[in-house]
């Protein structure tokens, strides 16, 4: 065998091995980023993971329904590699900013805006009487679910900023009226 042929064959073998290694690691990483444990490995994401795993917030309600982080925060292999790099170099501003859930993600499970409006048409206020407003059939139109519904912190009743009688409960924060005065029952 000629030495040039041997070198070309060796280079081809090395390229094949490296390509196969990268492909298998890509497959491993694609599987890995679809697990909630993947999220918990990052100290920046850990508080979000903990609220998903065990809290009074909506994130935990989703966990109890078998919904993983990645069901709402879609992730690509490239995005995961960027996050790993940012975590290692501490070059991040706000976790999950690029992977925030969008209304279309929420509506995949919760139905259309019309379905939500129908389900919440008879909401009751803190006094037990009909609230008189339907947040999912608002004069604002179809608003982003995240305006009210927070996954990893108390949710906010946007409508009560003007209409009073905020939704109450452990997972909801108090919302100020338009003049900055907080409603306190």
N, C-alpha and C. Protein backbone atom coordinates (compact mmCIF):
# COMPACT_ATOMS: atom_id res chain seq x y z
N UNK A 1 0.84 -1.19 0.00
CA UNK A 1 0.00 0.00 0.00
C UNK A 1 0.88 1.24 0.00
N UNK A 2 0.44 2.20 -0.75
CA UNK A 2 1.19 3.44 -0.78
C UNK A 2 0.93 4.23 0.49
N UNK A 3 1.89 5.01 0.94
CA UNK A 3 1.76 5.75 2.20
C UNK A 3 0.70 6.85 2.09
N UNK A 4 0.53 7.47 0.92
CA UNK A 4 -0.51 8.48 0.73
C UNK A 4 -1.90 7.88 0.90
N UNK A 5 -2.06 6.66 0.36
CA UNK A 5 -3.34 5.96 0.48
C UNK A 5 -3.60 5.60 1.94
N UNK A 6 -2.56 5.16 2.65
CA UNK A 6 -2.69 4.82 4.07
C UNK A 6 -3.09 6.05 4.89
N UNK A 7 -2.50 7.18 4.60
CA UNK A 7 -2.81 8.41 5.33
C UNK A 7 -4.26 8.82 5.06
N UNK A 8 -4.69 8.74 3.80
CA UNK A 8 -6.07 9.09 3.45
C UNK A 8 -7.04 8.15 4.14
N UNK A 9 -6.71 6.84 4.17
CA UNK A 9 -7.56 5.87 4.85
C UNK A 9 -7.62 6.14 6.35
N UNK A 10 -6.49 6.49 6.95
CA UNK A 10 -6.44 6.81 8.38
C UNK A 10 -7.29 8.05 8.68
N UNK A 11 -7.17 9.07 7.84
CA UNK A 11 -7.96 10.29 8.03
C UNK A 11 -9.45 9.98 7.91
N UNK A 12 -9.80 9.17 6.92
CA UNK A 12 -11.21 8.79 6.73
C UNK A 12 -11.72 8.03 7.95
N UNK A 13 -10.92 7.15 8.51
CA UNK A 13 -11.32 6.39 9.70
C UNK A 13 -11.51 7.33 10.89
N UNK A 14 -10.59 8.27 11.05
CA UNK A 14 -10.68 9.22 12.17
C UNK A 14 -11.94 10.07 12.02
N UNK A 15 -12.20 10.56 10.82
CA UNK A 15 -13.40 11.37 10.58
C UNK A 15 -14.65 10.55 10.87
N UNK A 16 -14.65 9.28 10.46
CA UNK A 16 -15.80 8.40 10.71
C UNK A 16 -16.03 8.21 12.19
N UNK A 17 -14.96 7.93 12.94
CA UNK A 17 -15.07 7.71 14.38
C UNK A 17 -15.54 9.00 15.07
N UNK A 18 -14.97 10.13 14.71
CA UNK A 18 -15.35 11.40 15.33
C UNK A 18 -16.81 11.72 15.00
N UNK A 19 -17.22 11.53 13.74
CA UNK A 19 -18.60 11.78 13.34
C UNK A 19 -19.57 10.87 14.09
N UNK A 20 -19.22 9.60 14.20
CA UNK A 20 -20.08 8.65 14.93
C UNK A 20 -20.18 9.04 16.40
N UNK A 21 -19.05 9.46 16.98
CA UNK A 21 -19.06 9.87 18.39
C UNK A 21 -19.94 11.09 18.59
N UNK A 22 -19.80 12.07 17.70
CA UNK A 22 -20.63 13.28 17.81
C UNK A 22 -22.10 12.95 17.61
N UNK A 23 -22.40 12.08 16.67
CA UNK A 23 -23.80 11.72 16.42
C UNK A 23 -24.39 11.01 17.64
N UNK A 24 -23.65 10.09 18.24
CA UNK A 24 -24.19 9.39 19.41
C UNK A 24 -24.30 10.33 20.60
N UNK A 25 -23.36 11.27 20.75
CA UNK A 25 -23.48 12.22 21.86
C UNK A 25 -24.64 13.17 21.61
N UNK A 26 -24.91 13.51 20.34
CA UNK A 26 -26.05 14.35 20.01
C UNK A 26 -27.35 13.63 20.36
N UNK A 27 -27.43 12.33 20.04
CA UNK A 27 -28.61 11.54 20.39
C UNK A 27 -28.77 11.47 21.90
N UNK A 28 -27.66 11.26 22.62
CA UNK A 28 -27.70 11.21 24.08
C UNK A 28 -28.18 12.55 24.63
N UNK A 29 -27.62 13.66 24.10
CA UNK A 29 -27.99 14.98 24.61
C UNK A 29 -29.45 15.29 24.30
N UNK A 30 -29.93 14.92 23.09
CA UNK A 30 -31.34 15.15 22.75
C UNK A 30 -32.25 14.44 23.75
N UNK A 31 -31.89 13.20 24.11
CA UNK A 31 -32.69 12.47 25.09
C UNK A 31 -32.56 13.14 26.46
N UNK A 32 -31.36 13.52 26.82
CA UNK A 32 -31.09 14.07 28.16
C UNK A 32 -31.83 15.38 28.38
N UNK A 33 -31.88 16.26 27.37
CA UNK A 33 -32.52 17.56 27.57
C UNK A 33 -34.03 17.45 27.66
N UNK A 34 -34.58 16.27 27.43
CA UNK A 34 -36.03 16.08 27.56
C UNK A 34 -36.43 15.60 28.95
N UNK A 35 -35.48 15.54 29.87
CA UNK A 35 -35.78 15.10 31.24
C UNK A 35 -35.77 16.29 32.19
N UNK A 36 -36.59 16.23 33.21
CA UNK A 36 -36.60 17.32 34.19
C UNK A 36 -35.32 17.33 35.02
N UNK A 37 -34.70 16.18 35.18
CA UNK A 37 -33.44 16.14 35.92
C UNK A 37 -32.36 16.96 35.24
N UNK A 38 -32.43 17.05 33.92
CA UNK A 38 -31.48 17.87 33.18
C UNK A 38 -31.56 19.31 33.68
N UNK A 39 -32.77 19.81 33.86
CA UNK A 39 -32.96 21.19 34.31
C UNK A 39 -32.40 21.41 35.72
N UNK A 40 -32.57 20.42 36.56
CA UNK A 40 -32.17 20.59 37.97
C UNK A 40 -30.66 20.63 38.14
N UNK A 41 -29.89 20.27 37.12
CA UNK A 41 -28.43 20.29 37.23
C UNK A 41 -27.85 21.69 37.23
N UNK A 42 -28.59 22.65 36.76
CA UNK A 42 -28.10 24.02 36.64
C UNK A 42 -28.53 24.81 37.87
N UNK A 43 -27.57 25.42 38.57
CA UNK A 43 -27.92 26.13 39.80
C UNK A 43 -28.82 27.33 39.53
N UNK A 44 -28.77 27.90 38.35
CA UNK A 44 -29.61 29.04 38.02
C UNK A 44 -31.06 28.59 37.85
N UNK A 45 -31.26 27.39 37.34
CA UNK A 45 -32.59 26.85 37.09
C UNK A 45 -33.14 26.13 38.32
N UNK A 46 -32.28 25.79 39.25
CA UNK A 46 -32.69 25.00 40.41
C UNK A 46 -33.92 25.55 41.13
N UNK A 47 -34.05 26.87 41.39
CA UNK A 47 -35.27 27.36 42.05
C UNK A 47 -36.54 27.10 41.23
N UNK A 48 -36.42 27.20 39.92
CA UNK A 48 -37.57 26.91 39.06
C UNK A 48 -37.92 25.42 39.12
N UNK A 49 -36.88 24.60 39.07
CA UNK A 49 -37.09 23.15 39.17
C UNK A 49 -37.74 22.81 40.51
N UNK A 50 -37.25 23.43 41.59
CA UNK A 50 -37.81 23.15 42.92
C UNK A 50 -39.27 23.57 43.01
N UNK A 51 -39.63 24.70 42.37
CA UNK A 51 -41.05 25.11 42.41
C UNK A 51 -41.90 24.16 41.58
N UNK A 52 -41.31 23.56 40.56
CA UNK A 52 -42.02 22.54 39.77
C UNK A 52 -42.18 21.27 40.60
N UNK A 53 -41.12 20.89 41.30
CA UNK A 53 -41.10 19.64 42.05
C UNK A 53 -41.98 19.71 43.31
N UNK A 54 -41.95 20.86 44.01
CA UNK A 54 -42.65 20.94 45.29
C UNK A 54 -42.90 22.39 45.67
N UNK A 55 -44.09 22.89 45.37
CA UNK A 55 -44.46 24.25 45.77
C UNK A 55 -45.98 24.37 45.71
N UNK A 56 -46.47 25.55 46.07
CA UNK A 56 -47.90 25.84 45.95
C UNK A 56 -48.21 26.52 44.62
N UNK A 57 -47.23 26.65 43.76
CA UNK A 57 -47.41 27.38 42.50
C UNK A 57 -47.92 26.47 41.39
N UNK A 58 -48.32 27.08 40.29
CA UNK A 58 -48.85 26.34 39.16
C UNK A 58 -47.85 25.35 38.57
N UNK A 59 -46.57 25.63 38.70
CA UNK A 59 -45.56 24.70 38.19
C UNK A 59 -45.73 23.33 38.84
N UNK A 60 -45.97 23.30 40.14
CA UNK A 60 -46.16 22.03 40.83
C UNK A 60 -47.47 21.36 40.43
N UNK A 61 -48.51 22.15 40.18
CA UNK A 61 -49.77 21.59 39.70
C UNK A 61 -49.53 20.87 38.37
N UNK A 62 -48.71 21.46 37.53
CA UNK A 62 -48.37 20.83 36.26
C UNK A 62 -47.54 19.56 36.49
N UNK A 63 -46.62 19.61 37.44
CA UNK A 63 -45.81 18.42 37.74
C UNK A 63 -46.69 17.27 38.19
N UNK A 64 -47.67 17.57 39.03
CA UNK A 64 -48.57 16.52 39.52
C UNK A 64 -49.41 15.93 38.38
N UNK A 65 -49.59 16.69 37.30
CA UNK A 65 -50.32 16.19 36.14
C UNK A 65 -49.40 15.47 35.16
N UNK A 66 -48.13 15.34 35.54
CA UNK A 66 -47.18 14.62 34.68
C UNK A 66 -46.57 15.47 33.59
N UNK A 67 -46.66 16.78 33.70
CA UNK A 67 -46.11 17.68 32.69
C UNK A 67 -44.68 18.04 33.10
N UNK A 68 -43.75 17.87 32.17
CA UNK A 68 -42.34 18.14 32.44
C UNK A 68 -41.99 19.58 32.06
N UNK A 69 -40.83 20.01 32.49
CA UNK A 69 -40.35 21.35 32.15
C UNK A 69 -40.36 21.55 30.63
N UNK A 70 -39.89 20.53 29.92
CA UNK A 70 -39.72 20.63 28.48
C UNK A 70 -41.05 20.64 27.72
N UNK A 71 -42.13 20.24 28.36
CA UNK A 71 -43.43 20.32 27.69
C UNK A 71 -43.82 21.78 27.46
N UNK A 72 -43.39 22.67 28.33
CA UNK A 72 -43.69 24.09 28.17
C UNK A 72 -42.48 24.88 27.67
N UNK A 73 -41.30 24.46 28.06
CA UNK A 73 -40.06 25.13 27.66
C UNK A 73 -39.33 24.24 26.67
N UNK A 74 -39.72 24.37 25.40
CA UNK A 74 -39.11 23.52 24.38
C UNK A 74 -37.62 23.83 24.26
N UNK A 75 -36.86 22.80 23.95
CA UNK A 75 -35.41 22.93 23.94
C UNK A 75 -34.85 22.17 22.75
N UNK A 76 -33.90 22.77 22.09
CA UNK A 76 -33.17 22.11 21.01
C UNK A 76 -31.79 21.74 21.53
N UNK A 77 -31.11 20.86 20.81
CA UNK A 77 -29.75 20.49 21.20
C UNK A 77 -28.86 21.72 21.17
N UNK A 78 -29.01 22.53 20.13
CA UNK A 78 -28.20 23.75 20.04
C UNK A 78 -28.48 24.68 21.21
N UNK A 79 -29.77 24.86 21.55
CA UNK A 79 -30.13 25.70 22.69
C UNK A 79 -29.58 25.16 24.00
N UNK A 80 -29.61 23.83 24.15
CA UNK A 80 -29.06 23.22 25.37
C UNK A 80 -27.57 23.47 25.48
N UNK A 81 -26.85 23.34 24.37
CA UNK A 81 -25.41 23.60 24.38
C UNK A 81 -25.12 25.06 24.73
N UNK A 82 -25.94 25.98 24.18
CA UNK A 82 -25.78 27.40 24.52
C UNK A 82 -26.01 27.63 26.01
N UNK A 83 -27.03 26.98 26.57
CA UNK A 83 -27.31 27.14 28.00
C UNK A 83 -26.19 26.59 28.86
N UNK A 84 -25.67 25.43 28.48
CA UNK A 84 -24.54 24.85 29.22
C UNK A 84 -23.36 25.82 29.19
N UNK A 85 -23.05 26.36 28.02
CA UNK A 85 -21.94 27.31 27.89
C UNK A 85 -22.18 28.55 28.75
N UNK A 86 -23.40 29.10 28.69
CA UNK A 86 -23.72 30.29 29.48
C UNK A 86 -23.63 29.99 30.97
N UNK A 87 -24.07 28.81 31.37
CA UNK A 87 -24.01 28.45 32.79
C UNK A 87 -22.56 28.33 33.26
N UNK A 88 -21.73 27.67 32.45
CA UNK A 88 -20.33 27.48 32.82
C UNK A 88 -19.60 28.82 32.88
N UNK A 89 -19.90 29.72 31.94
CA UNK A 89 -19.20 31.01 31.89
C UNK A 89 -19.91 32.09 32.72
N UNK A 90 -21.04 31.75 33.33
CA UNK A 90 -21.86 32.70 34.12
C UNK A 90 -22.27 33.90 33.27
N UNK A 91 -22.56 33.65 32.00
CA UNK A 91 -22.95 34.70 31.07
C UNK A 91 -24.45 34.62 30.79
N UNK A 92 -25.26 34.88 31.82
CA UNK A 92 -26.70 34.83 31.66
C UNK A 92 -27.31 36.00 32.40
N UNK A 93 -28.44 36.45 31.90
CA UNK A 93 -29.15 37.56 32.54
C UNK A 93 -30.40 37.06 33.25
N UNK A 94 -31.22 36.33 32.53
CA UNK A 94 -32.47 35.84 33.09
C UNK A 94 -32.71 34.42 32.59
N UNK A 95 -32.79 33.46 33.50
CA UNK A 95 -33.02 32.08 33.07
C UNK A 95 -34.34 31.93 32.33
N UNK A 96 -34.38 31.04 31.39
CA UNK A 96 -35.58 30.66 30.63
C UNK A 96 -36.14 31.77 29.75
N UNK A 97 -35.45 32.91 29.66
CA UNK A 97 -36.00 34.02 28.89
C UNK A 97 -36.26 33.61 27.44
N UNK A 98 -35.35 32.88 26.84
CA UNK A 98 -35.52 32.47 25.45
C UNK A 98 -36.49 31.31 25.29
N UNK A 99 -36.81 30.63 26.38
CA UNK A 99 -37.69 29.46 26.31
C UNK A 99 -38.99 29.68 27.08
N UNK A 100 -39.41 30.91 27.22
CA UNK A 100 -40.66 31.17 27.94
C UNK A 100 -41.82 30.50 27.21
N UNK A 101 -42.75 29.99 28.00
CA UNK A 101 -43.95 29.38 27.41
C UNK A 101 -44.78 30.46 26.74
N UNK A 102 -45.36 30.13 25.62
CA UNK A 102 -46.21 31.05 24.87
C UNK A 102 -47.65 30.58 24.99
N UNK A 103 -48.62 31.48 24.74
CA UNK A 103 -50.02 31.06 24.82
C UNK A 103 -50.32 29.81 23.99
N UNK A 104 -49.70 29.69 22.84
CA UNK A 104 -49.95 28.51 22.01
C UNK A 104 -49.54 27.23 22.75
N UNK A 105 -48.51 27.31 23.59
CA UNK A 105 -48.10 26.15 24.39
C UNK A 105 -49.18 25.82 25.42
N UNK A 106 -49.72 26.84 26.07
CA UNK A 106 -50.76 26.64 27.08
C UNK A 106 -52.03 26.05 26.46
N UNK A 107 -52.40 26.59 25.31
CA UNK A 107 -53.65 26.21 24.67
C UNK A 107 -53.62 24.78 24.11
N UNK A 108 -52.43 24.22 23.92
CA UNK A 108 -52.35 22.83 23.47
C UNK A 108 -53.02 21.90 24.46
N UNK A 109 -52.90 22.21 25.74
CA UNK A 109 -53.52 21.37 26.77
C UNK A 109 -54.84 21.94 27.28
N UNK A 110 -54.92 23.26 27.40
CA UNK A 110 -56.08 23.88 28.04
C UNK A 110 -57.21 24.24 27.09
N UNK A 111 -57.05 23.97 25.81
CA UNK A 111 -58.11 24.26 24.85
C UNK A 111 -58.02 25.67 24.31
N UNK A 112 -58.98 26.05 23.53
CA UNK A 112 -58.99 27.37 22.90
C UNK A 112 -59.41 28.45 23.90
N UNK A 113 -59.26 29.71 23.50
CA UNK A 113 -59.75 30.80 24.33
C UNK A 113 -61.25 30.66 24.57
N UNK A 114 -61.98 30.22 23.55
CA UNK A 114 -63.43 30.03 23.70
C UNK A 114 -63.73 28.94 24.73
N UNK A 115 -62.94 27.85 24.72
CA UNK A 115 -63.12 26.78 25.72
C UNK A 115 -62.86 27.32 27.12
N UNK A 116 -61.82 28.11 27.27
CA UNK A 116 -61.49 28.68 28.59
C UNK A 116 -62.57 29.64 29.05
N UNK A 117 -63.08 30.46 28.13
CA UNK A 117 -64.14 31.40 28.48
C UNK A 117 -65.39 30.66 28.96
N UNK A 118 -65.71 29.57 28.31
CA UNK A 118 -66.87 28.77 28.71
C UNK A 118 -66.64 28.16 30.10
N UNK A 119 -65.45 27.65 30.34
CA UNK A 119 -65.15 26.99 31.62
C UNK A 119 -65.14 27.96 32.79
N UNK A 120 -64.86 29.24 32.52
CA UNK A 120 -64.73 30.23 33.62
C UNK A 120 -65.84 31.27 33.60
N UNK A 121 -66.95 30.98 32.94
CA UNK A 121 -68.02 31.98 32.83
C UNK A 121 -68.74 32.23 34.15
N UNK A 122 -68.67 31.32 35.10
CA UNK A 122 -69.39 31.48 36.37
C UNK A 122 -68.45 31.58 37.57
N UNK A 123 -67.34 32.29 37.40
CA UNK A 123 -66.40 32.44 38.51
C UNK A 123 -67.05 33.20 39.65
N UNK A 124 -66.69 32.81 40.87
CA UNK A 124 -67.21 33.49 42.06
C UNK A 124 -66.12 34.35 42.68
N UNK A 125 -66.55 35.45 43.25
CA UNK A 125 -65.64 36.33 43.96
C UNK A 125 -65.40 35.83 45.38
N UNK A 126 -64.60 36.55 46.16
CA UNK A 126 -64.29 36.12 47.52
C UNK A 126 -65.51 36.09 48.43
N UNK A 127 -66.58 36.79 48.02
CA UNK A 127 -67.80 36.81 48.82
C UNK A 127 -68.75 35.67 48.47
N UNK A 128 -68.37 34.84 47.50
CA UNK A 128 -69.19 33.70 47.11
C UNK A 128 -70.19 34.00 46.02
N UNK A 129 -70.34 35.27 45.65
CA UNK A 129 -71.25 35.64 44.58
C UNK A 129 -70.53 35.61 43.23
N UNK A 130 -71.30 35.54 42.15
CA UNK A 130 -70.69 35.57 40.83
C UNK A 130 -69.80 36.80 40.69
N UNK A 131 -68.65 36.59 40.10
CA UNK A 131 -67.66 37.65 39.98
C UNK A 131 -68.14 38.77 39.07
N UNK A 132 -68.93 38.42 38.08
CA UNK A 132 -69.43 39.44 37.16
C UNK A 132 -68.46 39.76 36.04
N UNK A 133 -67.39 39.04 35.95
CA UNK A 133 -66.42 39.21 34.86
C UNK A 133 -65.79 37.87 34.56
N UNK A 134 -65.39 37.70 33.36
CA UNK A 134 -64.75 36.46 32.95
C UNK A 134 -63.38 36.81 32.37
N UNK A 135 -62.33 36.47 33.08
CA UNK A 135 -60.98 36.85 32.63
C UNK A 135 -60.59 36.25 31.29
N UNK A 136 -61.24 35.17 30.90
CA UNK A 136 -60.92 34.53 29.62
C UNK A 136 -61.84 34.98 28.50
N UNK A 137 -62.73 35.92 28.81
CA UNK A 137 -63.60 36.55 27.81
C UNK A 137 -63.53 38.05 28.09
N UNK A 138 -62.37 38.60 27.91
CA UNK A 138 -62.06 39.95 28.35
C UNK A 138 -62.26 40.99 27.25
N UNK A 139 -62.53 42.20 27.67
CA UNK A 139 -62.60 43.31 26.71
C UNK A 139 -61.22 43.62 26.14
N UNK A 140 -60.17 43.04 26.72
CA UNK A 140 -58.81 43.17 26.19
C UNK A 140 -58.57 42.21 25.03
N UNK A 141 -59.49 41.30 24.81
CA UNK A 141 -59.31 40.29 23.76
C UNK A 141 -58.52 39.11 24.29
N UNK A 142 -57.86 38.44 23.40
CA UNK A 142 -57.09 37.25 23.78
C UNK A 142 -55.70 37.69 24.25
N UNK A 143 -55.54 37.75 25.57
CA UNK A 143 -54.28 38.23 26.13
C UNK A 143 -53.37 37.05 26.46
N UNK A 144 -52.11 37.34 26.61
CA UNK A 144 -51.10 36.33 26.95
C UNK A 144 -51.43 35.71 28.30
N UNK A 145 -51.45 34.39 28.36
CA UNK A 145 -51.79 33.67 29.60
C UNK A 145 -50.88 34.09 30.76
N UNK A 146 -49.60 34.38 30.43
CA UNK A 146 -48.62 34.72 31.45
C UNK A 146 -48.85 36.05 32.13
N UNK A 147 -49.78 36.87 31.64
CA UNK A 147 -50.07 38.13 32.31
C UNK A 147 -50.64 37.84 33.70
N UNK A 148 -51.45 36.81 33.80
CA UNK A 148 -52.02 36.42 35.10
C UNK A 148 -51.33 35.18 35.68
N UNK A 149 -51.23 34.16 34.86
CA UNK A 149 -50.78 32.86 35.34
C UNK A 149 -49.27 32.78 35.38
N UNK A 150 -48.72 32.71 36.57
CA UNK A 150 -47.28 32.58 36.78
C UNK A 150 -47.01 31.16 37.24
N UNK A 151 -46.01 30.55 36.71
CA UNK A 151 -45.74 29.15 37.04
C UNK A 151 -44.89 29.01 38.30
N UNK A 152 -43.91 29.88 38.44
CA UNK A 152 -42.90 29.70 39.48
C UNK A 152 -42.96 30.76 40.58
N UNK A 153 -44.06 31.48 40.63
CA UNK A 153 -44.30 32.48 41.67
C UNK A 153 -45.81 32.70 41.73
N UNK A 154 -46.29 33.47 42.71
CA UNK A 154 -47.75 33.68 42.79
C UNK A 154 -48.31 34.31 41.51
N UNK A 155 -49.46 33.83 41.08
CA UNK A 155 -50.14 34.39 39.92
C UNK A 155 -50.75 35.74 40.30
N UNK A 156 -51.09 36.54 39.29
CA UNK A 156 -51.58 37.89 39.50
C UNK A 156 -52.92 38.04 38.78
N UNK A 157 -53.92 38.53 39.47
CA UNK A 157 -55.23 38.77 38.86
C UNK A 157 -55.19 40.14 38.19
N UNK A 158 -54.86 40.14 36.91
CA UNK A 158 -54.71 41.36 36.12
C UNK A 158 -55.99 42.20 36.15
N UNK A 159 -57.14 41.55 36.03
CA UNK A 159 -58.42 42.26 35.94
C UNK A 159 -58.72 43.06 37.21
N UNK A 160 -58.28 42.56 38.36
CA UNK A 160 -58.60 43.23 39.62
C UNK A 160 -57.89 44.57 39.75
N UNK A 161 -56.93 44.85 38.86
CA UNK A 161 -56.28 46.15 38.88
C UNK A 161 -57.28 47.27 38.66
N UNK A 162 -58.34 46.98 37.91
CA UNK A 162 -59.40 47.97 37.67
C UNK A 162 -60.73 47.55 38.28
N UNK A 163 -61.01 46.25 38.28
CA UNK A 163 -62.33 45.77 38.64
C UNK A 163 -62.47 45.31 40.09
N UNK A 164 -61.39 45.28 40.85
CA UNK A 164 -61.48 44.88 42.25
C UNK A 164 -61.73 43.40 42.45
N UNK A 165 -61.94 43.02 43.68
CA UNK A 165 -62.18 41.63 44.07
C UNK A 165 -61.22 40.66 43.39
N UNK A 166 -59.95 40.70 43.76
CA UNK A 166 -58.99 39.80 43.11
C UNK A 166 -59.23 38.34 43.51
N UNK A 167 -58.79 37.47 42.63
CA UNK A 167 -58.80 36.05 42.96
C UNK A 167 -57.92 35.89 44.19
N UNK A 168 -58.36 35.07 45.12
CA UNK A 168 -57.60 34.91 46.35
C UNK A 168 -57.15 33.48 46.51
N UNK A 169 -56.13 33.31 47.27
CA UNK A 169 -55.62 31.99 47.56
C UNK A 169 -54.12 32.06 47.71
N UNK A 170 -53.57 30.97 48.18
CA UNK A 170 -52.15 30.92 48.49
C UNK A 170 -51.29 31.13 47.25
N UNK A 171 -51.77 30.75 46.09
CA UNK A 171 -50.96 30.85 44.88
C UNK A 171 -51.19 32.14 44.11
N UNK A 172 -51.98 33.07 44.66
CA UNK A 172 -52.25 34.34 44.00
C UNK A 172 -51.72 35.48 44.83
N UNK A 173 -51.14 36.49 44.19
CA UNK A 173 -50.67 37.66 44.92
C UNK A 173 -51.78 38.72 44.89
N UNK A 174 -51.69 39.67 45.78
CA UNK A 174 -52.64 40.77 45.79
C UNK A 174 -52.26 41.74 44.67
N UNK A 175 -53.23 42.30 44.05
CA UNK A 175 -53.01 43.20 42.92
C UNK A 175 -53.51 44.60 43.31
N UNK A 176 -52.72 45.64 43.04
CA UNK A 176 -53.19 46.98 43.38
C UNK A 176 -54.27 47.44 42.43
N UNK A 177 -55.17 48.27 42.96
CA UNK A 177 -56.13 48.96 42.09
C UNK A 177 -55.34 49.97 41.27
N UNK A 178 -55.99 50.59 40.31
CA UNK A 178 -55.33 51.55 39.43
C UNK A 178 -54.61 52.67 40.17
N UNK A 179 -55.08 53.06 41.34
CA UNK A 179 -54.46 54.15 42.07
C UNK A 179 -53.37 53.68 43.03
N UNK A 180 -53.00 52.41 42.96
CA UNK A 180 -51.92 51.88 43.80
C UNK A 180 -52.37 51.40 45.16
N UNK A 181 -53.67 51.51 45.49
CA UNK A 181 -54.17 51.03 46.76
C UNK A 181 -54.45 49.54 46.63
N UNK A 182 -53.93 48.75 47.54
CA UNK A 182 -54.10 47.31 47.47
C UNK A 182 -55.43 46.90 48.07
N UNK A 183 -56.08 45.97 47.40
CA UNK A 183 -57.33 45.39 47.93
C UNK A 183 -56.97 44.45 49.07
N UNK A 184 -57.52 44.64 50.21
CA UNK A 184 -57.30 43.71 51.33
C UNK A 184 -58.66 43.30 51.87
N UNK A 185 -58.94 42.01 51.85
CA UNK A 185 -60.26 41.54 52.32
C UNK A 185 -60.42 41.73 53.80
